[in-house]
Amino acid sequence: MAVVIKAECPGCGVVRLATRDLTVRVCTDDGSSAYTFQCVECGAAVHHDIGPAVCDLLRSAGVQRVEWRWPAELAERTDAPLLTVDDLLDFHLLASRDDSWDAAVAALLDGAEHPTA
């Protein structure tokens, strides 16, 4: 007996899906979960956050589970100064220069404090 799952598409409303049409995504860092699917009516990518009970129910129905992690960059140092509008304007001017990019960056970094890995 085939399992039919009703899910909500923001554009189409309720759509009927087979278990192969959905994926349960679980974040191994914080345990949050969601189901995702491509709407069978309009083709939109749809994402809905879910709790553990719905996650377990979908898994027991045969929906594929995919684990994911937060990007490693989130664990990098956070004491660096924030990017300002002036920084962005300086970068824009630097990127639009016709002379050597390497020389301009080296001049900017001269005497700057370099973080170590």
N, C-alpha and C. Protein backbone atom coordinates (compact mmCIF):
# COMPACT_ATOMS: atom_id res chain seq x y z
N MET A 1 0.84 -1.19 0.00
CA MET A 1 0.00 0.00 0.00
C MET A 1 0.88 1.24 0.00
N ALA A 2 0.68 2.11 -0.95
CA ALA A 2 1.48 3.32 -1.09
C ALA A 2 1.04 4.37 -0.06
N VAL A 3 2.01 5.03 0.52
CA VAL A 3 1.74 6.09 1.48
C VAL A 3 1.61 7.40 0.73
N VAL A 4 0.55 8.15 1.02
CA VAL A 4 0.34 9.47 0.43
C VAL A 4 0.44 10.50 1.55
N ILE A 5 1.27 11.50 1.35
CA ILE A 5 1.47 12.54 2.36
C ILE A 5 0.94 13.85 1.82
N LYS A 6 0.11 14.51 2.62
CA LYS A 6 -0.39 15.83 2.24
C LYS A 6 0.55 16.87 2.83
N ALA A 7 0.98 17.81 1.99
CA ALA A 7 1.88 18.87 2.42
C ALA A 7 1.40 20.19 1.82
N GLU A 8 1.84 21.28 2.41
CA GLU A 8 1.39 22.61 2.00
C GLU A 8 2.45 23.29 1.14
N CYS A 9 2.05 23.68 -0.07
CA CYS A 9 2.88 24.52 -0.93
C CYS A 9 2.36 25.95 -0.79
N PRO A 10 3.23 26.93 -0.55
CA PRO A 10 2.77 28.31 -0.39
C PRO A 10 1.98 28.84 -1.59
N GLY A 11 2.29 28.34 -2.79
CA GLY A 11 1.61 28.83 -3.98
C GLY A 11 0.40 28.02 -4.38
N CYS A 12 0.42 26.72 -4.14
CA CYS A 12 -0.63 25.83 -4.63
C CYS A 12 -1.58 25.34 -3.55
N GLY A 13 -1.22 25.50 -2.30
CA GLY A 13 -2.02 24.95 -1.22
C GLY A 13 -1.62 23.51 -0.94
N VAL A 14 -2.58 22.69 -0.56
CA VAL A 14 -2.29 21.31 -0.20
C VAL A 14 -2.01 20.49 -1.46
N VAL A 15 -0.89 19.75 -1.41
CA VAL A 15 -0.53 18.84 -2.51
C VAL A 15 -0.31 17.46 -1.92
N ARG A 16 -0.49 16.44 -2.75
CA ARG A 16 -0.30 15.06 -2.33
C ARG A 16 1.04 14.57 -2.86
N LEU A 17 1.81 13.95 -1.96
CA LEU A 17 3.16 13.52 -2.31
C LEU A 17 3.38 12.07 -1.90
N ALA A 18 4.25 11.40 -2.62
CA ALA A 18 4.72 10.07 -2.23
C ALA A 18 5.93 10.26 -1.31
N THR A 19 6.29 9.23 -0.57
CA THR A 19 7.43 9.34 0.36
C THR A 19 8.71 9.69 -0.39
N ARG A 20 8.84 9.24 -1.63
CA ARG A 20 10.06 9.54 -2.40
C ARG A 20 10.15 11.01 -2.80
N ASP A 21 9.03 11.75 -2.70
CA ASP A 21 9.01 13.16 -3.08
C ASP A 21 9.51 14.10 -1.97
N LEU A 22 9.63 13.58 -0.76
CA LEU A 22 10.04 14.41 0.39
C LEU A 22 11.41 13.97 0.90
N THR A 23 12.05 14.88 1.61
CA THR A 23 13.29 14.59 2.32
C THR A 23 13.18 15.22 3.70
N VAL A 24 13.57 14.46 4.72
CA VAL A 24 13.65 15.01 6.08
C VAL A 24 15.11 15.41 6.29
N ARG A 25 15.32 16.69 6.62
CA ARG A 25 16.68 17.20 6.86
C ARG A 25 16.84 17.45 8.36
N VAL A 26 17.89 16.86 8.95
CA VAL A 26 18.14 17.00 10.39
C VAL A 26 19.51 17.62 10.59
N CYS A 27 19.56 18.71 11.36
CA CYS A 27 20.83 19.37 11.69
C CYS A 27 21.46 18.63 12.87
N THR A 28 22.64 18.09 12.67
CA THR A 28 23.30 17.34 13.73
C THR A 28 23.89 18.27 14.80
N ASP A 29 23.98 19.56 14.51
CA ASP A 29 24.53 20.50 15.49
C ASP A 29 23.50 20.90 16.55
N ASP A 30 22.26 21.14 16.13
CA ASP A 30 21.26 21.59 17.12
C ASP A 30 20.01 20.72 17.17
N GLY A 31 19.94 19.69 16.34
CA GLY A 31 18.80 18.77 16.36
C GLY A 31 17.56 19.27 15.65
N SER A 32 17.60 20.47 15.07
CA SER A 32 16.43 20.98 14.36
C SER A 32 16.19 20.15 13.11
N SER A 33 14.94 20.10 12.68
CA SER A 33 14.62 19.30 11.50
C SER A 33 13.56 20.00 10.66
N ALA A 34 13.49 19.58 9.41
CA ALA A 34 12.54 20.14 8.46
C ALA A 34 12.29 19.10 7.39
N TYR A 35 11.19 19.26 6.68
CA TYR A 35 11.01 18.44 5.48
C TYR A 35 11.02 19.37 4.29
N THR A 36 11.52 18.85 3.20
CA THR A 36 11.62 19.64 1.97
C THR A 36 11.07 18.82 0.81
N PHE A 37 10.55 19.53 -0.17
CA PHE A 37 10.09 18.87 -1.38
C PHE A 37 9.99 19.89 -2.50
N GLN A 38 9.94 19.38 -3.70
CA GLN A 38 9.67 20.21 -4.86
C GLN A 38 8.21 20.00 -5.21
N CYS A 39 7.44 21.08 -5.23
CA CYS A 39 6.01 20.99 -5.46
C CYS A 39 5.73 20.28 -6.79
N VAL A 40 4.83 19.30 -6.74
CA VAL A 40 4.49 18.55 -7.94
C VAL A 40 3.61 19.37 -8.88
N GLU A 41 3.02 20.46 -8.37
CA GLU A 41 2.15 21.31 -9.19
C GLU A 41 2.92 22.42 -9.90
N CYS A 42 3.70 23.21 -9.09
CA CYS A 42 4.36 24.40 -9.66
C CYS A 42 5.88 24.28 -9.74
N GLY A 43 6.47 23.25 -9.11
CA GLY A 43 7.91 23.07 -9.15
C GLY A 43 8.69 23.86 -8.13
N ALA A 44 8.01 24.61 -7.26
CA ALA A 44 8.70 25.41 -6.25
C ALA A 44 9.39 24.53 -5.21
N ALA A 45 10.53 24.98 -4.71
CA ALA A 45 11.20 24.30 -3.61
C ALA A 45 10.52 24.74 -2.32
N VAL A 46 10.07 23.79 -1.51
CA VAL A 46 9.31 24.08 -0.30
C VAL A 46 10.05 23.50 0.90
N HIS A 47 10.04 24.25 2.00
CA HIS A 47 10.74 23.88 3.23
C HIS A 47 9.82 24.18 4.40
N HIS A 48 9.60 23.21 5.27
CA HIS A 48 8.79 23.42 6.48
C HIS A 48 9.55 22.86 7.68
N ASP A 49 9.75 23.69 8.71
CA ASP A 49 10.35 23.21 9.94
C ASP A 49 9.39 22.26 10.64
N ILE A 50 9.93 21.23 11.30
CA ILE A 50 9.12 20.26 12.01
C ILE A 50 9.76 19.89 13.33
N GLY A 51 8.97 19.37 14.22
CA GLY A 51 9.47 18.89 15.50
C GLY A 51 9.85 17.42 15.43
N PRO A 52 10.39 16.89 16.52
CA PRO A 52 10.85 15.50 16.55
C PRO A 52 9.74 14.48 16.26
N ALA A 53 8.51 14.74 16.74
CA ALA A 53 7.42 13.78 16.53
C ALA A 53 7.08 13.64 15.05
N VAL A 54 6.96 14.77 14.34
CA VAL A 54 6.66 14.73 12.91
C VAL A 54 7.83 14.12 12.14
N CYS A 55 9.03 14.43 12.57
CA CYS A 55 10.23 13.86 11.94
C CYS A 55 10.18 12.33 12.04
N ASP A 56 9.91 11.82 13.23
CA ASP A 56 9.84 10.38 13.43
C ASP A 56 8.71 9.76 12.61
N LEU A 57 7.57 10.44 12.54
CA LEU A 57 6.43 9.93 11.77
C LEU A 57 6.77 9.82 10.28
N LEU A 58 7.39 10.87 9.74
CA LEU A 58 7.77 10.84 8.32
C LEU A 58 8.81 9.76 8.06
N ARG A 59 9.75 9.61 8.96
CA ARG A 59 10.78 8.58 8.81
C ARG A 59 10.15 7.19 8.83
N SER A 60 9.19 6.98 9.76
CA SER A 60 8.54 5.67 9.84
C SER A 60 7.70 5.37 8.59
N ALA A 61 7.29 6.41 7.89
CA ALA A 61 6.53 6.23 6.64
C ALA A 61 7.44 5.94 5.46
N GLY A 62 8.76 6.10 5.66
CA GLY A 62 9.71 5.79 4.60
C GLY A 62 10.36 6.98 3.93
N VAL A 63 10.19 8.18 4.50
CA VAL A 63 10.81 9.38 3.92
C VAL A 63 12.32 9.34 4.22
N GLN A 64 13.11 9.65 3.21
CA GLN A 64 14.58 9.66 3.35
C GLN A 64 15.03 10.73 4.32
N ARG A 65 16.02 10.41 5.17
CA ARG A 65 16.60 11.36 6.12
C ARG A 65 17.99 11.77 5.63
N VAL A 66 18.24 13.07 5.68
CA VAL A 66 19.55 13.61 5.31
C VAL A 66 20.04 14.43 6.49
N GLU A 67 21.26 14.15 6.96
CA GLU A 67 21.85 14.94 8.05
C GLU A 67 22.74 16.02 7.46
N TRP A 68 22.78 17.17 8.14
CA TRP A 68 23.63 18.27 7.71
C TRP A 68 24.19 18.97 8.93
N ARG A 69 25.23 19.75 8.72
CA ARG A 69 25.91 20.48 9.80
C ARG A 69 26.00 21.96 9.43
N TRP A 70 26.11 22.80 10.47
CA TRP A 70 26.35 24.22 10.23
C TRP A 70 27.71 24.38 9.57
N PRO A 71 27.90 25.43 8.77
CA PRO A 71 29.21 25.66 8.14
C PRO A 71 30.29 25.86 9.20
N ALA A 72 31.47 25.35 8.94
CA ALA A 72 32.59 25.45 9.88
C ALA A 72 32.96 26.91 10.16
N GLU A 73 32.66 27.81 9.22
CA GLU A 73 33.00 29.22 9.40
C GLU A 73 32.32 29.84 10.62
N LEU A 74 31.20 29.27 11.04
CA LEU A 74 30.51 29.81 12.21
C LEU A 74 31.32 29.65 13.49
N ALA A 75 32.27 28.72 13.50
CA ALA A 75 33.10 28.49 14.68
C ALA A 75 34.38 29.34 14.65
N GLU A 76 34.57 30.10 13.59
CA GLU A 76 35.77 30.93 13.51
C GLU A 76 35.70 32.09 14.49
N ARG A 77 36.82 32.77 14.65
CA ARG A 77 36.91 33.85 15.63
C ARG A 77 35.83 34.91 15.38
N THR A 78 35.32 35.43 16.46
CA THR A 78 34.24 36.41 16.35
C THR A 78 34.64 37.77 16.91
N ASP A 79 35.91 37.93 17.30
CA ASP A 79 36.34 39.20 17.86
C ASP A 79 36.87 40.17 16.80
N ALA A 80 36.78 39.78 15.54
CA ALA A 80 37.24 40.65 14.46
C ALA A 80 36.30 41.84 14.32
N PRO A 81 36.80 42.97 13.87
CA PRO A 81 35.93 44.13 13.69
C PRO A 81 34.89 43.86 12.59
N LEU A 82 33.73 44.45 12.74
CA LEU A 82 32.67 44.28 11.77
C LEU A 82 32.98 45.06 10.50
N LEU A 83 32.48 44.57 9.38
CA LEU A 83 32.63 45.25 8.10
C LEU A 83 31.76 46.50 8.12
N THR A 84 32.35 47.62 7.73
CA THR A 84 31.60 48.88 7.72
C THR A 84 31.30 49.30 6.27
N VAL A 85 30.47 50.30 6.12
CA VAL A 85 30.17 50.84 4.79
C VAL A 85 31.45 51.39 4.17
N ASP A 86 32.30 52.03 4.98
CA ASP A 86 33.58 52.54 4.47
C ASP A 86 34.46 51.41 3.95
N ASP A 87 34.48 50.28 4.68
CA ASP A 87 35.25 49.12 4.22
C ASP A 87 34.75 48.65 2.85
N LEU A 88 33.44 48.59 2.70
CA LEU A 88 32.85 48.15 1.44
C LEU A 88 33.20 49.11 0.30
N LEU A 89 33.14 50.41 0.58
CA LEU A 89 33.51 51.40 -0.44
C LEU A 89 34.99 51.29 -0.80
N ASP A 90 35.84 51.10 0.21
CA ASP A 90 37.28 50.92 -0.05
C ASP A 90 37.52 49.70 -0.94
N PHE A 91 36.82 48.61 -0.64
CA PHE A 91 36.96 47.39 -1.44
C PHE A 91 36.51 47.63 -2.88
N HIS A 92 35.41 48.34 -3.03
CA HIS A 92 34.90 48.65 -4.37
C HIS A 92 35.94 49.45 -5.16
N LEU A 93 36.51 50.47 -4.53
CA LEU A 93 37.53 51.28 -5.20
C LEU A 93 38.76 50.45 -5.54
N LEU A 94 39.16 49.58 -4.63
CA LEU A 94 40.32 48.73 -4.86
C LEU A 94 40.06 47.77 -6.02
N ALA A 95 38.87 47.19 -6.06
CA ALA A 95 38.54 46.22 -7.12
C ALA A 95 38.43 46.88 -8.48
N SER A 96 38.15 48.17 -8.51
CA SER A 96 37.98 48.85 -9.80
C SER A 96 39.29 49.47 -10.31
N ARG A 97 40.38 49.31 -9.59
CA ARG A 97 41.67 49.86 -10.02
C ARG A 97 42.24 49.09 -11.20
N ASP A 98 42.94 49.80 -12.05
CA ASP A 98 43.56 49.17 -13.22
C ASP A 98 44.94 48.61 -12.90
N ASP A 99 45.58 49.11 -11.84
CA ASP A 99 46.93 48.64 -11.53
C ASP A 99 46.87 47.28 -10.84
N SER A 100 47.98 46.81 -10.43
CA SER A 100 48.11 45.45 -9.90
C SER A 100 47.29 45.25 -8.62
N TRP A 101 46.40 44.29 -8.65
CA TRP A 101 45.59 43.93 -7.48
C TRP A 101 46.48 43.46 -6.33
N ASP A 102 47.47 42.61 -6.64
CA ASP A 102 48.36 42.08 -5.61
C ASP A 102 49.12 43.18 -4.88
N ALA A 103 49.62 44.15 -5.63
CA ALA A 103 50.37 45.24 -5.01
C ALA A 103 49.46 46.09 -4.13
N ALA A 104 48.25 46.34 -4.56
CA ALA A 104 47.31 47.15 -3.77
C ALA A 104 46.93 46.44 -2.48
N VAL A 105 46.69 45.14 -2.54
CA VAL A 105 46.34 44.38 -1.33
C VAL A 105 47.54 44.32 -0.39
N ALA A 106 48.73 44.09 -0.93
CA ALA A 106 49.94 44.04 -0.10
C ALA A 106 50.16 45.37 0.60
N ALA A 107 49.90 46.48 -0.08
CA ALA A 107 50.06 47.79 0.53
C ALA A 107 49.06 47.98 1.66
N LEU A 108 47.84 47.49 1.49
CA LEU A 108 46.84 47.59 2.54
C LEU A 108 47.20 46.75 3.76
N LEU A 109 47.79 45.60 3.53
CA LEU A 109 48.13 44.68 4.61
C LEU A 109 49.44 45.03 5.30
N ASP A 110 50.24 45.87 4.68
CA ASP A 110 51.53 46.24 5.27
C ASP A 110 51.32 46.85 6.65
N GLY A 111 51.88 46.21 7.63
CA GLY A 111 51.76 46.73 9.00
C GLY A 111 50.48 46.32 9.70
N ALA A 112 49.58 45.65 9.01
CA ALA A 112 48.34 45.20 9.64
C ALA A 112 48.60 43.95 10.47
N GLU A 113 47.79 43.76 11.47
CA GLU A 113 47.90 42.58 12.32
C GLU A 113 47.32 41.38 11.58
N HIS A 114 48.10 40.33 11.38
CA HIS A 114 47.64 39.15 10.64
C HIS A 114 47.25 38.06 11.62
N PRO A 115 46.02 37.53 11.55
CA PRO A 115 45.62 36.43 12.43
C PRO A 115 46.37 35.16 12.06
N THR A 116 46.62 34.31 13.02
CA THR A 116 47.27 33.03 12.75
C THR A 116 46.22 31.95 12.78
N ALA A 117 46.47 30.92 12.00
CA ALA A 117 45.50 29.81 11.91
C ALA A 117 45.52 28.93 13.11
